[in-house]
């Protein structure tokens, strides 16, 4: 015979099992809800991340001008004007006093100019750095000597420059940079027979190296500019 106490105990156990089932179902539902929300949130965050990575369209530049104070103003194709600040002093004490030979790339994705710095050894400032503005980022480049001429190449994807010392045409050197990253991709040193490195150990003269196509293109552009 089932006693009342035994019946109550069984009912309590049954109620506990029922409550456990209800709680388990509720927990499962909450877990599913949380999981769905997490998946939804993740999809939303991934959408935002993709949008941020895609970003706004890259800047395209329409014109560039050198101002009376030596600063440069760049105008974008959508009408915005950008005036980068003067560069820090060269070597810590030679002031950036102007700019020269500013130009927009043929593909309108970059602008570049020479930064002029005061110099006590000459009566004129020296072009010691080349500045490239690409998609809102400035790349400040420096060669082995003063940069006397530069030009865009490959429709604006690269920038070539010729450098040499201020007097006597010594120390001539060519550099080729990537416009988007500012990284140097090639350089060239014209060998001169007066250079000790132009001779073999047996005393014979080392032949002058052939100029790369990008150097010839730069020399041709400089000749046309004169």
Protein backbone atom coordinates (compact mmCIF):
# COMPACT_ATOMS: atom_id res chain seq x y z
CA UNK A 1 0.00 0.00 0.00
CA UNK A 2 1.25 3.44 -0.90
CA UNK A 3 1.51 5.62 2.14
CA UNK A 4 0.59 9.29 2.05
CA UNK A 5 4.14 10.24 2.91
CA UNK A 6 5.51 8.10 0.07
CA UNK A 7 2.98 9.67 -2.29
CA UNK A 8 4.00 13.16 -1.23
CA UNK A 9 7.67 12.28 -1.66
CA UNK A 10 7.01 10.97 -5.15
CA UNK A 11 5.00 14.07 -5.99
CA UNK A 12 7.85 16.25 -4.76
CA UNK A 13 10.30 14.29 -6.87
CA UNK A 14 7.94 14.50 -9.82
CA UNK A 15 7.57 18.26 -9.33
CA UNK A 16 11.33 18.61 -9.08
CA UNK A 17 11.73 16.68 -12.34
CA UNK A 18 9.05 18.84 -13.94
CA UNK A 19 10.74 21.99 -12.70
CA UNK A 20 14.06 20.67 -13.96
CA UNK A 21 12.52 20.03 -17.37
CA UNK A 22 10.97 23.53 -17.41
CA UNK A 23 14.23 25.10 -16.31
CA UNK A 24 16.17 23.09 -18.85
CA UNK A 25 13.79 24.16 -21.59
CA UNK A 26 14.02 27.78 -20.49
CA UNK A 27 17.81 27.61 -20.36
CA UNK A 28 17.89 26.04 -23.78
CA UNK A 29 15.60 28.74 -25.12
CA UNK A 30 17.78 31.43 -23.52
CA UNK A 31 20.90 29.79 -24.96
CA UNK A 32 19.33 29.67 -28.41
CA UNK A 33 18.29 33.32 -28.06
CA UNK A 34 21.75 34.35 -26.90
CA UNK A 35 23.36 32.33 -29.69
CA UNK A 36 21.09 33.88 -32.30
CA UNK A 37 21.77 37.36 -30.96
CA UNK A 38 25.50 36.62 -30.89
CA UNK A 39 25.39 35.42 -34.49
CA UNK A 40 23.35 38.45 -35.49
CA UNK A 41 25.73 40.78 -33.65
CA UNK A 42 28.70 39.07 -35.24
CA UNK A 43 27.19 39.47 -38.70
CA UNK A 44 26.52 43.13 -37.92
CA UNK A 45 30.06 43.70 -36.68
CA UNK A 46 31.49 41.92 -39.72
CA UNK A 47 29.37 44.15 -41.94
CA UNK A 48 30.72 47.24 -40.18
CA UNK A 49 34.27 45.90 -40.42
CA UNK A 50 33.90 45.25 -44.13
CA UNK A 51 32.51 48.74 -44.64
CA UNK A 52 35.40 50.29 -42.72
CA UNK A 53 37.93 48.26 -44.68
CA UNK A 54 36.38 49.28 -47.97
CA UNK A 55 36.33 52.85 -46.73
CA UNK A 56 35.50 55.94 -48.69
CA UNK A 57 36.68 56.31 -52.27
CA UNK A 58 40.36 57.22 -52.56
CA UNK A 59 41.20 60.90 -52.88
CA UNK A 60 41.71 62.19 -56.40
CA UNK A 61 43.65 65.41 -56.83
CA UNK A 62 42.88 68.16 -59.32
CA UNK A 63 45.62 70.75 -58.75
CA UNK A 64 48.46 71.88 -56.52
CA UNK A 65 49.94 75.31 -55.88
CA UNK A 66 52.81 76.76 -53.84
CA UNK A 67 51.77 79.63 -51.56
CA UNK A 68 53.69 82.80 -50.74
CA UNK A 69 54.66 81.46 -47.32
CA UNK A 70 56.21 78.35 -48.88
CA UNK A 71 53.35 76.03 -47.98
CA UNK A 72 51.51 73.89 -50.51
CA UNK A 73 47.76 73.77 -51.17
CA UNK A 74 46.28 70.72 -52.86
CA UNK A 75 42.77 70.78 -54.31
CA UNK A 76 40.87 67.52 -54.68
CA UNK A 77 38.48 66.78 -57.52
CA UNK A 78 35.53 67.16 -55.14
CA UNK A 79 36.64 70.70 -54.23
CA UNK A 80 38.35 70.16 -50.88
CA UNK A 81 41.58 72.00 -50.15
CA UNK A 82 44.45 70.41 -48.23
CA UNK A 83 47.39 72.43 -46.87
CA UNK A 84 49.97 70.18 -45.19
CA UNK A 85 52.07 71.83 -42.46
CA UNK A 86 55.72 72.73 -42.99
CA UNK A 87 58.14 69.88 -42.38
CA UNK A 88 60.27 69.76 -39.22
CA UNK A 89 63.74 71.36 -39.50
CA UNK A 90 66.23 69.28 -41.47
CA UNK A 91 68.90 67.92 -39.16
CA UNK A 92 67.12 69.67 -36.32
CA UNK A 93 68.05 73.23 -37.34
CA UNK A 94 67.62 73.85 -41.11
CA UNK A 95 64.14 75.35 -41.48
CA UNK A 96 61.70 74.27 -44.20
CA UNK A 97 61.21 77.56 -46.00
CA UNK A 98 59.43 76.65 -49.21
CA UNK A 99 58.42 74.21 -51.90
CA UNK A 100 59.18 73.77 -55.58
CA UNK A 101 58.29 71.69 -58.65
CA UNK A 102 54.86 70.67 -57.36
CA UNK A 103 52.79 68.48 -59.70
CA UNK A 104 49.75 66.19 -59.83
CA UNK A 105 50.23 62.62 -61.04
CA UNK A 106 48.71 61.64 -64.41
CA UNK A 107 46.32 59.25 -62.63
CA UNK A 108 45.33 62.04 -60.16
CA UNK A 109 45.92 59.72 -57.18
CA UNK A 110 49.10 61.44 -55.96
CA UNK A 111 50.68 64.87 -55.66
CA UNK A 112 54.37 65.55 -55.06
CA UNK A 113 56.71 68.47 -54.52
CA UNK A 114 60.24 69.31 -53.38
CA UNK A 115 60.66 70.66 -49.86
CA UNK A 116 63.21 73.50 -49.67
CA UNK A 117 65.37 74.04 -46.60
CA UNK A 118 67.54 76.98 -45.65
CA UNK A 119 71.28 76.40 -45.92
CA UNK A 120 74.10 78.54 -44.58
CA UNK A 121 76.52 77.35 -47.24
CA UNK A 122 74.52 78.66 -50.20
CA UNK A 123 72.61 81.83 -51.03
CA UNK A 124 69.54 79.77 -51.91
CA UNK A 125 67.55 77.04 -50.15
CA UNK A 126 68.26 73.42 -51.00
CA UNK A 127 65.69 70.82 -52.15
CA UNK A 128 66.56 68.17 -49.57
CA UNK A 129 63.31 66.18 -49.44
CA UNK A 130 60.60 64.97 -51.79
CA UNK A 131 57.06 64.92 -50.42
CA UNK A 132 54.34 62.67 -51.86
CA UNK A 133 50.67 63.00 -50.90
CA UNK A 134 48.77 59.81 -51.77
CA UNK A 135 45.20 59.15 -50.63
CA UNK A 136 45.54 61.56 -47.72
CA UNK A 137 48.88 60.19 -46.50
CA UNK A 138 52.19 62.06 -46.68
CA UNK A 139 55.42 60.27 -47.57
CA UNK A 140 58.55 62.35 -46.93
CA UNK A 141 61.48 60.95 -48.91
CA UNK A 142 65.16 61.74 -48.76
CA UNK A 143 67.95 60.81 -51.14
CA UNK A 144 71.72 60.89 -50.81
CA UNK A 145 72.03 64.58 -51.75
CA UNK A 146 69.92 67.53 -52.89
CA UNK A 147 67.05 66.47 -55.16
CA UNK A 148 67.24 68.67 -58.25
CA UNK A 149 64.66 67.03 -60.47
CA UNK A 150 61.86 64.49 -60.15
CA UNK A 151 58.91 63.21 -62.18
CA UNK A 152 56.03 60.76 -62.02
CA UNK A 153 56.39 57.55 -64.00
CA UNK A 154 54.11 54.62 -64.86
CA UNK A 155 51.09 56.94 -65.02
CA UNK A 156 51.80 58.13 -61.48
CA UNK A 157 52.44 54.84 -59.73
CA UNK A 158 56.13 55.64 -59.25
CA UNK A 159 58.28 58.69 -58.64
CA UNK A 160 61.84 59.04 -59.99
CA UNK A 161 64.37 61.61 -58.77
CA UNK A 162 67.90 62.78 -59.57
CA UNK A 163 70.18 63.92 -56.77
CA UNK A 164 73.63 65.44 -56.60
CA UNK A 165 75.74 67.75 -54.45
CA UNK A 166 75.09 71.51 -54.76
CA UNK A 167 78.39 72.39 -56.47
CA UNK A 168 80.38 70.64 -59.16
CA UNK A 169 77.87 67.98 -60.20
CA UNK A 170 79.41 65.36 -57.92
CA UNK A 171 77.63 62.58 -56.07
CA UNK A 172 74.98 62.05 -58.71
CA UNK A 173 72.42 59.44 -57.73
CA UNK A 174 68.98 58.33 -58.96
CA UNK A 175 66.12 56.92 -56.88
CA UNK A 176 62.81 55.33 -57.82
CA UNK A 177 60.00 55.22 -55.25
CA UNK A 178 56.54 53.69 -55.10
CA UNK A 179 54.02 56.54 -54.85
CA UNK A 180 51.45 54.67 -52.78
CA UNK A 181 53.78 53.35 -50.07
CA UNK A 182 56.81 55.65 -50.32
CA UNK A 183 59.12 52.64 -50.48
CA UNK A 184 62.27 52.80 -52.59
CA UNK A 185 62.04 50.22 -55.38
CA UNK A 186 65.29 50.94 -57.28
CA UNK A 187 68.31 53.22 -57.43
CA UNK A 188 71.13 53.91 -59.85
CA UNK A 189 74.60 55.43 -59.50
CA UNK A 190 76.27 56.65 -62.70
CA UNK A 191 79.88 55.53 -62.49
CA UNK A 192 82.55 58.10 -63.21
CA UNK A 193 86.04 57.12 -64.35
CA UNK A 194 87.55 59.49 -61.80
CA UNK A 195 86.01 57.40 -59.04
CA UNK A 196 88.44 54.93 -57.46
CA UNK A 197 85.65 52.35 -57.53
CA UNK A 198 85.57 52.60 -61.32
CA UNK A 199 88.79 50.59 -61.63
CA UNK A 200 89.39 46.87 -61.46
CA UNK A 201 92.14 45.59 -59.15
CA UNK A 202 94.40 45.19 -62.23
CA UNK A 203 94.01 48.90 -63.04
CA UNK A 204 91.63 48.52 -65.99
CA UNK A 205 88.60 50.79 -66.14
CA UNK A 206 85.27 49.24 -65.31
CA UNK A 207 82.72 49.89 -68.03
CA UNK A 208 80.00 52.35 -67.23
CA UNK A 209 76.74 50.57 -66.32
CA UNK A 210 73.83 50.91 -68.70
CA UNK A 211 71.15 53.32 -67.55
CA UNK A 212 67.83 51.67 -66.65
CA UNK A 213 64.80 52.72 -68.68
CA UNK A 214 63.37 54.73 -65.77
CA UNK A 215 66.61 56.75 -65.50
CA UNK A 216 66.58 57.46 -69.23
CA UNK A 217 62.96 58.55 -68.95
CA UNK A 218 63.81 60.90 -66.08
CA UNK A 219 66.76 62.41 -67.96
CA UNK A 220 64.51 62.93 -70.99
CA UNK A 221 61.85 64.65 -68.89
CA UNK A 222 64.48 66.93 -67.32
CA UNK A 223 65.89 67.85 -70.73
CA UNK A 224 62.41 68.83 -71.92
CA UNK A 225 61.84 70.97 -68.85
CA UNK A 226 64.84 73.21 -69.52
